[in-house]
Amino acid sequence: MSTLMLLMTMFAPATSIYDFNFTSIDGKEIKLADFKGKNVLIVNTASECGFTKQYKDLQALHEQYGKDLVIIGFPANNFGGQEPGSNADIQGFCEKNYGVTFLLSEKVEVKGKDITPLFKYLTTTENSDFTGDINWNFEKFLINKEGKLVHRYRSKVNPMDAAITSNLK
């Protein structure tokens, strides 16, 4: 591959979530491209938030739809300092209090000047709902089996709500 082609590939804008990777809460590199052919629900999470109880319903969603749906929680401390712990603290909290077995990323930034590239992509990609900054913890991004953002939900939408589950069939 020529140097020019290599540079064009390296700096080409993302066209789907499959162009991104992340580090899991236990330090493993995860390629979102590994989830081709499945729906993906991406959620920015926090352990000390009024919406934290949604972990229970995210786990239920994972158990009910896990064959065709990948749920990934991205802990972030961007809103009210509600995710102050370390990755180990967060992982322990989620397992102990909610039995979480779905994927969790390491702690990330979902807003502001240090926003993680995946969340920059998600908040600026056109979809049928809305674009723009995340307003609070537990906002949800539903990605279809082709890696495209199809729906976005604010924090108040419960993971088991028909607004989400009706799009998983």
N, C-alpha and C. Protein backbone atom coordinates (compact mmCIF):
# COMPACT_ATOMS: atom_id res chain seq x y z
N MET A 1 0.86 -1.18 0.00
CA MET A 1 0.00 0.00 0.00
C MET A 1 0.90 1.23 0.00
N SER A 2 0.56 2.20 -0.83
CA SER A 2 1.36 3.41 -0.89
C SER A 2 1.19 4.22 0.39
N THR A 3 2.14 5.10 0.64
CA THR A 3 2.08 5.95 1.83
C THR A 3 0.82 6.79 1.81
N LEU A 4 0.46 7.31 0.64
CA LEU A 4 -0.74 8.14 0.53
C LEU A 4 -1.99 7.32 0.87
N MET A 5 -2.09 6.11 0.35
CA MET A 5 -3.25 5.27 0.64
C MET A 5 -3.31 4.92 2.13
N LEU A 6 -2.15 4.64 2.72
CA LEU A 6 -2.09 4.33 4.14
C LEU A 6 -2.57 5.51 4.97
N LEU A 7 -2.11 6.71 4.63
CA LEU A 7 -2.54 7.92 5.35
C LEU A 7 -4.03 8.16 5.18
N MET A 8 -4.54 7.96 3.97
CA MET A 8 -5.97 8.16 3.72
C MET A 8 -6.79 7.18 4.56
N THR A 9 -6.32 5.95 4.68
CA THR A 9 -7.02 4.96 5.48
C THR A 9 -6.97 5.33 6.96
N MET A 10 -5.81 5.79 7.42
CA MET A 10 -5.66 6.12 8.84
C MET A 10 -6.53 7.30 9.26
N PHE A 11 -6.75 8.25 8.36
CA PHE A 11 -7.46 9.46 8.72
C PHE A 11 -8.84 9.56 8.07
N ALA A 12 -9.31 8.49 7.49
CA ALA A 12 -10.64 8.48 6.89
C ALA A 12 -11.68 8.59 8.00
N PRO A 13 -12.76 9.33 7.75
CA PRO A 13 -13.79 9.44 8.79
C PRO A 13 -14.47 8.09 9.01
N ALA A 14 -14.88 7.87 10.23
CA ALA A 14 -15.57 6.63 10.57
C ALA A 14 -16.90 6.56 9.85
N THR A 15 -17.27 5.37 9.38
CA THR A 15 -18.55 5.19 8.70
C THR A 15 -19.50 4.30 9.48
N SER A 16 -18.99 3.64 10.51
CA SER A 16 -19.83 2.82 11.38
C SER A 16 -19.08 2.61 12.70
N ILE A 17 -19.75 1.99 13.66
CA ILE A 17 -19.06 1.72 14.92
C ILE A 17 -17.95 0.70 14.74
N TYR A 18 -18.00 -0.04 13.63
CA TYR A 18 -16.98 -1.06 13.39
C TYR A 18 -15.59 -0.46 13.18
N ASP A 19 -15.52 0.85 13.03
CA ASP A 19 -14.24 1.53 12.87
C ASP A 19 -13.57 1.82 14.22
N PHE A 20 -14.22 1.43 15.33
CA PHE A 20 -13.71 1.78 16.66
C PHE A 20 -13.36 0.53 17.47
N ASN A 21 -12.44 0.73 18.39
CA ASN A 21 -12.07 -0.27 19.40
C ASN A 21 -12.19 0.39 20.76
N PHE A 22 -12.22 -0.42 21.80
CA PHE A 22 -12.18 0.12 23.15
C PHE A 22 -11.50 -0.88 24.07
N THR A 23 -11.15 -0.42 25.25
CA THR A 23 -10.53 -1.30 26.24
C THR A 23 -11.59 -1.66 27.27
N SER A 24 -11.74 -2.96 27.52
CA SER A 24 -12.72 -3.41 28.49
C SER A 24 -12.27 -3.02 29.90
N ILE A 25 -13.19 -3.11 30.84
CA ILE A 25 -12.91 -2.71 32.21
C ILE A 25 -11.80 -3.56 32.84
N ASP A 26 -11.59 -4.77 32.28
CA ASP A 26 -10.52 -5.62 32.78
C ASP A 26 -9.28 -5.60 31.87
N GLY A 27 -9.20 -4.56 31.01
CA GLY A 27 -7.97 -4.31 30.26
C GLY A 27 -7.80 -5.00 28.92
N LYS A 28 -8.84 -5.64 28.41
CA LYS A 28 -8.73 -6.31 27.11
C LYS A 28 -9.13 -5.36 25.99
N GLU A 29 -8.41 -5.43 24.87
CA GLU A 29 -8.75 -4.62 23.70
C GLU A 29 -9.91 -5.30 22.97
N ILE A 30 -10.98 -4.56 22.73
CA ILE A 30 -12.18 -5.08 22.09
C ILE A 30 -12.39 -4.33 20.78
N LYS A 31 -12.58 -5.07 19.70
CA LYS A 31 -12.87 -4.48 18.39
C LYS A 31 -14.38 -4.53 18.19
N LEU A 32 -14.98 -3.38 17.96
CA LEU A 32 -16.42 -3.38 17.72
C LEU A 32 -16.77 -4.14 16.45
N ALA A 33 -15.83 -4.25 15.52
CA ALA A 33 -16.06 -5.02 14.29
C ALA A 33 -16.35 -6.49 14.60
N ASP A 34 -15.93 -6.96 15.77
CA ASP A 34 -16.22 -8.35 16.16
C ASP A 34 -17.72 -8.59 16.38
N PHE A 35 -18.50 -7.51 16.46
CA PHE A 35 -19.94 -7.63 16.72
C PHE A 35 -20.78 -7.46 15.46
N LYS A 36 -20.16 -7.54 14.29
CA LYS A 36 -20.92 -7.46 13.03
C LYS A 36 -22.01 -8.52 13.04
N GLY A 37 -23.19 -8.13 12.56
CA GLY A 37 -24.31 -9.06 12.50
C GLY A 37 -25.15 -9.09 13.76
N LYS A 38 -24.79 -8.28 14.76
CA LYS A 38 -25.58 -8.20 16.00
C LYS A 38 -25.97 -6.75 16.24
N ASN A 39 -27.09 -6.55 16.91
CA ASN A 39 -27.42 -5.22 17.40
C ASN A 39 -26.50 -4.93 18.58
N VAL A 40 -26.19 -3.66 18.78
CA VAL A 40 -25.33 -3.24 19.90
C VAL A 40 -26.03 -2.08 20.60
N LEU A 41 -26.10 -2.15 21.92
CA LEU A 41 -26.64 -1.06 22.73
C LEU A 41 -25.49 -0.51 23.56
N ILE A 42 -25.15 0.74 23.30
CA ILE A 42 -24.07 1.42 24.01
C ILE A 42 -24.70 2.38 25.01
N VAL A 43 -24.24 2.31 26.26
CA VAL A 43 -24.82 3.11 27.34
C VAL A 43 -23.70 3.75 28.15
N ASN A 44 -23.79 5.07 28.37
CA ASN A 44 -22.85 5.70 29.31
C ASN A 44 -23.42 5.53 30.71
N THR A 45 -22.61 4.98 31.61
CA THR A 45 -23.11 4.57 32.92
C THR A 45 -22.40 5.30 34.06
N ALA A 46 -22.98 5.20 35.24
CA ALA A 46 -22.39 5.77 36.46
C ALA A 46 -22.97 5.02 37.66
N SER A 47 -22.15 4.81 38.66
CA SER A 47 -22.53 4.00 39.82
C SER A 47 -23.28 4.76 40.91
N GLU A 48 -23.24 6.08 40.89
CA GLU A 48 -23.86 6.86 41.96
C GLU A 48 -24.92 7.82 41.42
N CYS A 49 -25.71 7.34 40.49
CA CYS A 49 -26.70 8.16 39.78
C CYS A 49 -28.10 7.65 40.12
N GLY A 50 -29.07 8.52 40.01
CA GLY A 50 -30.46 8.11 40.20
C GLY A 50 -30.89 7.05 39.19
N PHE A 51 -30.22 6.97 38.05
CA PHE A 51 -30.55 5.98 37.03
C PHE A 51 -29.73 4.70 37.16
N THR A 52 -28.87 4.61 38.17
CA THR A 52 -27.99 3.45 38.33
C THR A 52 -28.78 2.14 38.38
N LYS A 53 -30.00 2.19 38.89
CA LYS A 53 -30.82 0.97 38.97
C LYS A 53 -31.10 0.39 37.58
N GLN A 54 -30.83 1.16 36.52
CA GLN A 54 -31.00 0.63 35.16
C GLN A 54 -30.00 -0.49 34.85
N TYR A 55 -28.94 -0.61 35.65
CA TYR A 55 -28.04 -1.75 35.48
C TYR A 55 -28.83 -3.06 35.54
N LYS A 56 -29.80 -3.13 36.46
CA LYS A 56 -30.62 -4.34 36.61
C LYS A 56 -31.35 -4.66 35.31
N ASP A 57 -31.94 -3.64 34.70
CA ASP A 57 -32.69 -3.86 33.47
C ASP A 57 -31.77 -4.07 32.26
N LEU A 58 -30.59 -3.46 32.27
CA LEU A 58 -29.61 -3.75 31.22
C LEU A 58 -29.19 -5.22 31.29
N GLN A 59 -29.01 -5.73 32.50
CA GLN A 59 -28.66 -7.14 32.67
C GLN A 59 -29.81 -8.03 32.20
N ALA A 60 -31.05 -7.66 32.53
CA ALA A 60 -32.21 -8.44 32.08
C ALA A 60 -32.30 -8.43 30.55
N LEU A 61 -32.05 -7.29 29.95
CA LEU A 61 -32.05 -7.17 28.49
C LEU A 61 -30.96 -8.08 27.90
N HIS A 62 -29.80 -8.06 28.52
CA HIS A 62 -28.68 -8.91 28.09
C HIS A 62 -29.07 -10.39 28.16
N GLU A 63 -29.72 -10.78 29.24
CA GLU A 63 -30.11 -12.17 29.40
C GLU A 63 -31.19 -12.58 28.42
N GLN A 64 -32.11 -11.66 28.11
CA GLN A 64 -33.22 -11.98 27.22
C GLN A 64 -32.81 -11.95 25.75
N TYR A 65 -31.97 -11.00 25.36
CA TYR A 65 -31.65 -10.80 23.95
C TYR A 65 -30.18 -11.04 23.61
N GLY A 66 -29.41 -11.55 24.56
CA GLY A 66 -27.96 -11.66 24.41
C GLY A 66 -27.46 -12.41 23.19
N LYS A 67 -28.28 -13.28 22.62
CA LYS A 67 -27.87 -14.01 21.42
C LYS A 67 -27.70 -13.07 20.22
N ASP A 68 -28.54 -12.02 20.16
CA ASP A 68 -28.53 -11.09 19.03
C ASP A 68 -28.19 -9.66 19.41
N LEU A 69 -27.93 -9.41 20.69
CA LEU A 69 -27.68 -8.06 21.17
C LEU A 69 -26.46 -8.03 22.06
N VAL A 70 -25.56 -7.09 21.78
CA VAL A 70 -24.39 -6.87 22.63
C VAL A 70 -24.64 -5.57 23.39
N ILE A 71 -24.58 -5.63 24.70
CA ILE A 71 -24.72 -4.42 25.53
C ILE A 71 -23.33 -4.06 26.04
N ILE A 72 -22.99 -2.78 25.90
CA ILE A 72 -21.70 -2.31 26.40
C ILE A 72 -21.94 -1.07 27.25
N GLY A 73 -21.57 -1.17 28.52
CA GLY A 73 -21.63 -0.03 29.43
C GLY A 73 -20.30 0.69 29.41
N PHE A 74 -20.35 2.01 29.27
CA PHE A 74 -19.16 2.85 29.28
C PHE A 74 -19.21 3.77 30.49
N PRO A 75 -18.59 3.38 31.61
CA PRO A 75 -18.60 4.23 32.80
C PRO A 75 -17.93 5.57 32.51
N ALA A 76 -18.56 6.64 32.99
CA ALA A 76 -18.02 7.99 32.78
C ALA A 76 -18.34 8.85 34.00
N ASN A 77 -17.43 9.73 34.31
CA ASN A 77 -17.59 10.62 35.46
C ASN A 77 -17.89 12.05 35.01
N ASN A 78 -18.58 12.20 33.88
CA ASN A 78 -18.82 13.52 33.29
C ASN A 78 -19.99 14.27 33.91
N PHE A 79 -20.83 13.61 34.66
CA PHE A 79 -22.05 14.25 35.14
C PHE A 79 -22.15 14.15 36.66
N GLY A 80 -21.96 15.25 37.33
CA GLY A 80 -22.13 15.31 38.77
C GLY A 80 -21.15 14.47 39.57
N GLY A 81 -20.02 14.09 38.98
CA GLY A 81 -19.04 13.28 39.71
C GLY A 81 -19.62 11.96 40.18
N GLN A 82 -20.55 11.39 39.41
CA GLN A 82 -21.29 10.21 39.86
C GLN A 82 -20.62 8.87 39.51
N GLU A 83 -19.40 8.94 38.97
CA GLU A 83 -18.62 7.71 38.73
C GLU A 83 -17.19 7.97 39.17
N PRO A 84 -16.98 8.15 40.49
CA PRO A 84 -15.66 8.52 40.98
C PRO A 84 -14.67 7.37 41.12
N GLY A 85 -15.14 6.14 41.11
CA GLY A 85 -14.29 4.99 41.41
C GLY A 85 -13.33 4.61 40.30
N SER A 86 -12.44 3.70 40.65
CA SER A 86 -11.50 3.12 39.69
C SER A 86 -12.23 2.06 38.87
N ASN A 87 -11.58 1.57 37.81
CA ASN A 87 -12.17 0.50 37.02
C ASN A 87 -12.50 -0.71 37.89
N ALA A 88 -11.60 -1.08 38.79
CA ALA A 88 -11.84 -2.22 39.67
C ALA A 88 -13.04 -1.96 40.59
N ASP A 89 -13.15 -0.73 41.11
CA ASP A 89 -14.29 -0.37 41.97
C ASP A 89 -15.60 -0.51 41.20
N ILE A 90 -15.61 0.00 39.97
CA ILE A 90 -16.82 -0.01 39.14
C ILE A 90 -17.22 -1.45 38.82
N GLN A 91 -16.25 -2.25 38.40
CA GLN A 91 -16.53 -3.63 38.06
C GLN A 91 -17.08 -4.39 39.27
N GLY A 92 -16.47 -4.22 40.43
CA GLY A 92 -16.94 -4.88 41.64
C GLY A 92 -18.34 -4.45 42.02
N PHE A 93 -18.61 -3.15 41.93
CA PHE A 93 -19.94 -2.61 42.23
C PHE A 93 -21.00 -3.23 41.32
N CYS A 94 -20.72 -3.26 40.03
CA CYS A 94 -21.69 -3.77 39.06
C CYS A 94 -21.97 -5.26 39.25
N GLU A 95 -20.92 -6.02 39.51
CA GLU A 95 -21.09 -7.46 39.72
C GLU A 95 -21.83 -7.75 41.02
N LYS A 96 -21.42 -7.09 42.10
CA LYS A 96 -22.00 -7.35 43.43
C LYS A 96 -23.45 -6.90 43.53
N ASN A 97 -23.75 -5.70 43.02
CA ASN A 97 -25.09 -5.12 43.21
C ASN A 97 -26.09 -5.47 42.12
N TYR A 98 -25.61 -5.76 40.90
CA TYR A 98 -26.54 -5.98 39.79
C TYR A 98 -26.25 -7.26 39.00
N GLY A 99 -25.25 -8.02 39.39
CA GLY A 99 -24.93 -9.26 38.69
C GLY A 99 -24.56 -9.05 37.23
N VAL A 100 -23.95 -7.91 36.93
CA VAL A 100 -23.64 -7.54 35.54
C VAL A 100 -22.67 -8.54 34.92
N THR A 101 -23.09 -9.09 33.79
CA THR A 101 -22.22 -9.96 32.99
C THR A 101 -22.03 -9.43 31.58
N PHE A 102 -22.74 -8.35 31.22
CA PHE A 102 -22.52 -7.75 29.90
C PHE A 102 -21.22 -6.97 29.92
N LEU A 103 -20.75 -6.59 28.75
CA LEU A 103 -19.47 -5.90 28.62
C LEU A 103 -19.47 -4.53 29.28
N LEU A 104 -18.39 -4.23 29.95
CA LEU A 104 -18.13 -2.89 30.48
C LEU A 104 -16.78 -2.43 29.93
N SER A 105 -16.71 -1.18 29.57
CA SER A 105 -15.43 -0.62 29.13
C SER A 105 -14.71 -0.04 30.34
N GLU A 106 -13.45 0.31 30.11
CA GLU A 106 -12.77 1.09 31.13
C GLU A 106 -13.46 2.44 31.20
N LYS A 107 -13.23 3.18 32.24
CA LYS A 107 -13.82 4.51 32.42
C LYS A 107 -13.38 5.42 31.27
N VAL A 108 -14.34 6.17 30.71
CA VAL A 108 -14.08 7.02 29.55
C VAL A 108 -14.67 8.41 29.75
N GLU A 109 -14.40 9.29 28.81
CA GLU A 109 -15.02 10.62 28.75
C GLU A 109 -16.08 10.58 27.65
N VAL A 110 -17.30 10.99 27.95
CA VAL A 110 -18.38 10.97 26.96
C VAL A 110 -18.83 12.36 26.55
N LYS A 111 -18.13 13.37 27.06
CA LYS A 111 -18.52 14.75 26.78
C LYS A 111 -17.30 15.64 27.01
N GLY A 112 -17.27 16.78 26.34
CA GLY A 112 -16.20 17.75 26.59
C GLY A 112 -15.00 17.59 25.68
N LYS A 113 -13.95 18.31 26.02
CA LYS A 113 -12.78 18.37 25.14
C LYS A 113 -12.03 17.04 25.06
N ASP A 114 -12.17 16.17 26.05
CA ASP A 114 -11.49 14.87 26.05
C ASP A 114 -12.42 13.72 25.68
N ILE A 115 -13.53 14.03 25.00
CA ILE A 115 -14.51 13.00 24.64
C ILE A 115 -13.82 11.86 23.87
N THR A 116 -14.18 10.65 24.21
CA THR A 116 -13.67 9.46 23.53
C THR A 116 -14.15 9.49 22.08
N PRO A 117 -13.30 9.13 21.12
CA PRO A 117 -13.70 9.19 19.70
C PRO A 117 -15.00 8.46 19.38
N LEU A 118 -15.25 7.31 20.01
CA LEU A 118 -16.51 6.61 19.76
C LEU A 118 -17.70 7.48 20.12
N PHE A 119 -17.64 8.16 21.27
CA PHE A 119 -18.77 8.99 21.68
C PHE A 119 -18.86 10.27 20.86
N LYS A 120 -17.75 10.77 20.37
CA LYS A 120 -17.79 11.91 19.44
C LYS A 120 -18.56 11.48 18.19
N TYR A 121 -18.26 10.30 17.69
CA TYR A 121 -18.96 9.76 16.53
C TYR A 121 -20.45 9.58 16.83
N LEU A 122 -20.77 8.94 17.94
CA LEU A 122 -22.17 8.66 18.28
C LEU A 122 -23.00 9.92 18.47
N THR A 123 -22.43 10.95 19.07
CA THR A 123 -23.20 12.16 19.36
C THR A 123 -23.34 13.08 18.15
N THR A 124 -22.56 12.82 17.10
CA THR A 124 -22.64 13.67 15.90
C THR A 124 -23.24 12.96 14.69
N THR A 125 -23.50 11.67 14.81
CA THR A 125 -24.04 10.89 13.70
C THR A 125 -25.55 11.07 13.62
N GLU A 126 -26.03 11.36 12.42
CA GLU A 126 -27.48 11.51 12.22
C GLU A 126 -28.17 10.18 12.50
N ASN A 127 -29.32 10.27 13.11
CA ASN A 127 -30.16 9.10 13.37
C ASN A 127 -31.60 9.57 13.40
N SER A 128 -32.54 8.68 13.62
CA SER A 128 -33.95 9.06 13.53
C SER A 128 -34.44 9.83 14.75
N ASP A 129 -33.60 10.02 15.77
CA ASP A 129 -34.06 10.67 16.99
C ASP A 129 -33.46 12.07 17.18
N PHE A 130 -32.18 12.15 17.51
CA PHE A 130 -31.55 13.45 17.74
C PHE A 130 -30.04 13.29 17.76
N THR A 131 -29.33 14.39 17.61
CA THR A 131 -27.87 14.40 17.74
C THR A 131 -27.50 15.42 18.81
N GLY A 132 -26.23 15.47 19.13
CA GLY A 132 -25.76 16.45 20.10
C GLY A 132 -25.24 15.79 21.36
N ASP A 133 -24.76 16.63 22.25
CA ASP A 133 -24.13 16.16 23.49
C ASP A 133 -25.04 15.26 24.30
N ILE A 134 -24.42 14.37 25.03
CA ILE A 134 -25.12 13.56 26.02
C ILE A 134 -25.49 14.51 27.17
N ASN A 135 -26.72 14.39 27.67
CA ASN A 135 -27.18 15.27 28.74
C ASN A 135 -26.93 14.72 30.14
N TRP A 136 -26.87 13.37 30.28
CA TRP A 136 -26.74 12.79 31.61
C TRP A 136 -26.34 11.33 31.48
N ASN A 137 -26.14 10.69 32.60
CA ASN A 137 -25.79 9.27 32.64
C ASN A 137 -26.94 8.41 32.09
N PHE A 138 -26.58 7.26 31.57
CA PHE A 138 -27.50 6.24 31.08
C PHE A 138 -28.26 6.65 29.81
N GLU A 139 -27.63 7.47 28.97
CA GLU A 139 -28.17 7.64 27.63
C GLU A 139 -27.77 6.41 26.83
N LYS A 140 -28.62 6.06 25.85
CA LYS A 140 -28.45 4.81 25.13
C LYS A 140 -28.39 5.05 23.63
N PHE A 141 -27.53 4.28 22.96
CA PHE A 141 -27.35 4.35 21.52
C PHE A 141 -27.55 2.95 20.96
N LEU A 142 -28.57 2.78 20.11
CA LEU A 142 -28.84 1.48 19.52
C LEU A 142 -28.26 1.42 18.12
N ILE A 143 -27.38 0.45 17.92
CA ILE A 143 -26.70 0.25 16.67
C ILE A 143 -27.30 -0.99 16.00
N ASN A 144 -27.58 -0.90 14.70
CA ASN A 144 -28.16 -2.06 14.02
C ASN A 144 -27.09 -3.08 13.63
N LYS A 145 -27.52 -4.16 13.01
CA LYS A 145 -26.62 -5.26 12.68
C LYS A 145 -25.59 -4.90 11.60
N GLU A 146 -25.78 -3.75 10.97
CA GLU A 146 -24.82 -3.27 9.97
C GLU A 146 -23.85 -2.23 10.56
N GLY A 147 -23.95 -1.98 11.85
CA GLY A 147 -23.04 -1.05 12.51
C GLY A 147 -23.44 0.41 12.44
N LYS A 148 -24.68 0.67 12.07
CA LYS A 148 -25.17 2.05 11.95
C LYS A 148 -26.02 2.43 13.16
N LEU A 149 -25.83 3.66 13.63
CA LEU A 149 -26.65 4.19 14.72
C LEU A 149 -28.07 4.41 14.20
N VAL A 150 -29.04 3.73 14.79
CA VAL A 150 -30.42 3.86 14.32
C VAL A 150 -31.33 4.58 15.32
N HIS A 151 -31.05 4.44 16.60
CA HIS A 151 -31.87 5.13 17.60
C HIS A 151 -31.00 5.57 18.76
N ARG A 152 -31.47 6.66 19.36
CA ARG A 152 -30.80 7.21 20.53
C ARG A 152 -31.87 7.51 21.57
N TYR A 153 -31.58 7.19 22.81
CA TYR A 153 -32.56 7.34 23.88
C TYR A 153 -31.96 8.11 25.04
N ARG A 154 -32.72 9.00 25.62
CA ARG A 154 -32.28 9.74 26.80
C ARG A 154 -32.35 8.83 28.03
N SER A 155 -31.84 9.33 29.11
CA SER A 155 -31.68 8.55 30.35
C SER A 155 -32.98 7.96 30.88
N LYS A 156 -34.06 8.68 30.74
CA LYS A 156 -35.33 8.24 31.33
C LYS A 156 -35.92 7.01 30.64
N VAL A 157 -35.47 6.68 29.43
CA VAL A 157 -35.98 5.50 28.74
C VAL A 157 -35.33 4.27 29.35
N ASN A 158 -36.17 3.42 29.96
CA ASN A 158 -35.69 2.21 30.60
C ASN A 158 -35.20 1.21 29.54
N PRO A 159 -34.14 0.48 29.81
CA PRO A 159 -33.62 -0.48 28.84
C PRO A 159 -34.65 -1.51 28.38
N MET A 160 -35.62 -1.86 29.21
CA MET A 160 -36.63 -2.85 28.84
C MET A 160 -37.87 -2.23 28.19
N ASP A 161 -37.84 -0.92 27.98
CA ASP A 161 -38.96 -0.21 27.36
C ASP A 161 -39.17 -0.73 25.93
N ALA A 162 -40.42 -0.77 25.51
CA ALA A 162 -40.75 -1.20 24.15
C ALA A 162 -40.09 -0.33 23.09
N ALA A 163 -39.79 0.92 23.43
CA ALA A 163 -39.09 1.79 22.48
C ALA A 163 -37.75 1.18 22.06
N ILE A 164 -37.16 0.41 22.96
CA ILE A 164 -35.90 -0.27 22.66
C ILE A 164 -36.17 -1.70 22.19
N THR A 165 -36.90 -2.47 22.97
CA THR A 165 -37.07 -3.90 22.67
C THR A 165 -37.77 -4.14 21.33
N SER A 166 -38.65 -3.25 20.91
CA SER A 166 -39.34 -3.43 19.62
C SER A 166 -38.38 -3.33 18.45
N ASN A 167 -37.21 -2.75 18.67
CA ASN A 167 -36.20 -2.62 17.61
C ASN A 167 -35.18 -3.75 17.62
N LEU A 168 -35.39 -4.75 18.47
CA LEU A 168 -34.43 -5.84 18.59
C LEU A 168 -34.87 -7.11 17.87
N LYS A 169 -36.00 -7.07 17.25
CA LYS A 169 -36.52 -8.26 16.58
C LYS A 169 -35.97 -8.42 15.19
